[in-house]
């Protein structure tokens, strides 16, 4: 079985990855992280916790801080943003 992923890398660009062995297909987010170069990078835990605490208190963050995060860390922030948005819509 052959599987093809299209991973966006810029506004109109993408990277195509073909995987031949269906039994060893890594998750999409892992492939995306490898392709775009975020794998293994990101903020150190102490720094991320500081930024996360600040975001939870103030609901704001610097763009530079967000860019320093890896996909997992950015995913956490996105979940919080969606939760805050839902809470504000319920009021």
C-alpha atoms as a PDB file:
ATOM      1  CA  UNK A   1       0.000   0.000   0.000  1.00  0.00           C
ATOM      2  CA  UNK A   2       1.270   3.438  -0.885  1.00  0.00           C
ATOM      3  CA  UNK A   3       0.187   6.588   0.954  1.00  0.00           C
ATOM      4  CA  UNK A   4       0.849  10.176  -0.146  1.00  0.00           C
ATOM      5  CA  UNK A   5       0.812  13.140   2.225  1.00  0.00           C
ATOM      6  CA  UNK A   6       0.605  16.734   1.007  1.00  0.00           C
ATOM      7  CA  UNK A   7       2.143  18.923   3.704  1.00  0.00           C
ATOM      8  CA  UNK A   8       1.699  22.709   3.318  1.00  0.00           C
ATOM      9  CA  UNK A   9       4.970  24.588   3.629  1.00  0.00           C
ATOM     10  CA  UNK A  10       3.929  28.057   2.487  1.00  0.00           C
ATOM     11  CA  UNK A  11       0.847  29.811   1.141  1.00  0.00           C
ATOM     12  CA  UNK A  12       0.737  28.050  -2.251  1.00  0.00           C
ATOM     13  CA  UNK A  13       3.421  25.434  -1.731  1.00  0.00           C
ATOM     14  CA  UNK A  14       3.471  21.955  -0.324  1.00  0.00           C
ATOM     15  CA  UNK A  15       5.775  19.039   0.196  1.00  0.00           C
ATOM     16  CA  UNK A  16       4.697  15.621  -0.997  1.00  0.00           C
ATOM     17  CA  UNK A  17       5.813  12.564   0.947  1.00  0.00           C
ATOM     18  CA  UNK A  18       5.149   9.044  -0.266  1.00  0.00           C
ATOM     19  CA  UNK A  19       5.218   6.142   2.168  1.00  0.00           C
ATOM     20  CA  UNK A  20       5.392   2.621   0.741  1.00  0.00           C
ATOM     21  CA  UNK A  21       5.031   0.410   3.814  1.00  0.00           C
ATOM     22  CA  UNK A  22       1.561   1.017   5.258  1.00  0.00           C
ATOM     23  CA  UNK A  23       2.457  -0.768   8.500  1.00  0.00           C
ATOM     24  CA  UNK A  24       5.185   1.752   9.338  1.00  0.00           C
ATOM     25  CA  UNK A  25       3.397   5.006   8.504  1.00  0.00           C
ATOM     26  CA  UNK A  26       4.261   7.703  11.034  1.00  0.00           C
ATOM     27  CA  UNK A  27       1.482  10.078  12.155  1.00  0.00           C
ATOM     28  CA  UNK A  28       0.820  13.058   9.878  1.00  0.00           C
ATOM     29  CA  UNK A  29       1.963  15.614  12.479  1.00  0.00           C
ATOM     30  CA  UNK A  30       5.284  13.800  12.892  1.00  0.00           C
ATOM     31  CA  UNK A  31       5.874  13.796   9.140  1.00  0.00           C
ATOM     32  CA  UNK A  32       4.887  17.447   8.961  1.00  0.00           C
ATOM     33  CA  UNK A  33       7.307  18.328  11.754  1.00  0.00           C
ATOM     34  CA  UNK A  34      10.133  16.477  10.014  1.00  0.00           C
ATOM     35  CA  UNK A  35       9.387  18.076   6.660  1.00  0.00           C
ATOM     36  CA  UNK A  36       9.054  21.644   7.862  1.00  0.00           C
ATOM     37  CA  UNK A  37      11.934  21.435  10.328  1.00  0.00           C
ATOM     38  CA  UNK A  38      10.179  21.790  13.670  1.00  0.00           C
ATOM     39  CA  UNK A  39      11.063  18.310  14.915  1.00  0.00           C
ATOM     40  CA  UNK A  40      13.225  18.404  18.005  1.00  0.00           C
ATOM     41  CA  UNK A  41      13.092  22.182  18.181  1.00  0.00           C
ATOM     42  CA  UNK A  42      10.847  24.282  20.317  1.00  0.00           C
ATOM     43  CA  UNK A  43      11.065  26.076  23.595  1.00  0.00           C
ATOM     44  CA  UNK A  44      12.743  24.554  26.591  1.00  0.00           C
ATOM     45  CA  UNK A  45      10.216  23.338  29.154  1.00  0.00           C
ATOM     46  CA  UNK A  46      10.863  26.138  31.647  1.00  0.00           C
ATOM     47  CA  UNK A  47      10.519  28.823  28.982  1.00  0.00           C
ATOM     48  CA  UNK A  48       7.380  27.216  27.538  1.00  0.00           C
ATOM     49  CA  UNK A  49       5.818  27.010  31.006  1.00  0.00           C
ATOM     50  CA  UNK A  50       6.574  30.709  31.573  1.00  0.00           C
ATOM     51  CA  UNK A  51       4.970  31.671  28.238  1.00  0.00           C
ATOM     52  CA  UNK A  52       2.030  29.318  28.836  1.00  0.00           C
ATOM     53  CA  UNK A  53       1.351  30.752  32.303  1.00  0.00           C
ATOM     54  CA  UNK A  54       1.502  34.278  30.889  1.00  0.00           C
ATOM     55  CA  UNK A  55      -0.879  33.321  28.068  1.00  0.00           C
ATOM     56  CA  UNK A  56      -3.373  31.729  30.441  1.00  0.00           C
ATOM     57  CA  UNK A  57      -3.380  34.888  32.570  1.00  0.00           C
ATOM     58  CA  UNK A  58      -3.335  37.593  29.860  1.00  0.00           C
ATOM     59  CA  UNK A  59      -4.662  35.733  26.769  1.00  0.00           C
ATOM     60  CA  UNK A  60      -1.914  37.325  24.672  1.00  0.00           C
ATOM     61  CA  UNK A  61       1.442  36.215  23.364  1.00  0.00           C
ATOM     62  CA  UNK A  62       4.244  37.649  21.252  1.00  0.00           C
ATOM     63  CA  UNK A  63       4.491  36.307  17.705  1.00  0.00           C
ATOM     64  CA  UNK A  64       8.191  35.601  18.327  1.00  0.00           C
ATOM     65  CA  UNK A  65       7.310  33.366  21.262  1.00  0.00           C
ATOM     66  CA  UNK A  66       4.833  31.395  19.163  1.00  0.00           C
ATOM     67  CA  UNK A  67       7.378  30.954  16.356  1.00  0.00           C
ATOM     68  CA  UNK A  68       9.931  29.510  18.785  1.00  0.00           C
ATOM     69  CA  UNK A  69       7.541  26.682  19.718  1.00  0.00           C
ATOM     70  CA  UNK A  70       7.435  23.262  18.089  1.00  0.00           C
ATOM     71  CA  UNK A  71       4.169  21.883  16.669  1.00  0.00           C
ATOM     72  CA  UNK A  72       3.215  20.156  19.899  1.00  0.00           C
ATOM     73  CA  UNK A  73       3.627  23.353  21.907  1.00  0.00           C
ATOM     74  CA  UNK A  74       1.758  25.368  19.274  1.00  0.00           C
ATOM     75  CA  UNK A  75      -1.034  22.780  19.399  1.00  0.00           C
ATOM     76  CA  UNK A  76      -1.423  23.343  23.130  1.00  0.00           C
ATOM     77  CA  UNK A  77      -1.730  27.091  22.584  1.00  0.00           C
ATOM     78  CA  UNK A  78      -4.274  26.557  19.792  1.00  0.00           C
ATOM     79  CA  UNK A  79      -6.395  24.348  22.080  1.00  0.00           C
ATOM     80  CA  UNK A  80      -6.371  27.069  24.732  1.00  0.00           C
ATOM     81  CA  UNK A  81      -7.304  29.736  22.176  1.00  0.00           C
ATOM     82  CA  UNK A  82     -10.274  27.664  21.026  1.00  0.00           C
ATOM     83  CA  UNK A  83     -11.361  27.027  24.605  1.00  0.00           C
ATOM     84  CA  UNK A  84     -11.236  30.740  25.458  1.00  0.00           C
ATOM     85  CA  UNK A  85     -13.185  31.535  22.299  1.00  0.00           C
ATOM     86  CA  UNK A  86     -15.872  28.961  23.198  1.00  0.00           C
ATOM     87  CA  UNK A  87     -16.139  30.377  26.720  1.00  0.00           C
ATOM     88  CA  UNK A  88     -16.566  33.920  25.384  1.00  0.00           C
ATOM     89  CA  UNK A  89     -19.222  32.774  22.891  1.00  0.00           C
ATOM     90  CA  UNK A  90     -21.205  31.090  25.657  1.00  0.00           C
ATOM     91  CA  UNK A  91     -21.553  34.317  27.638  1.00  0.00           C
END
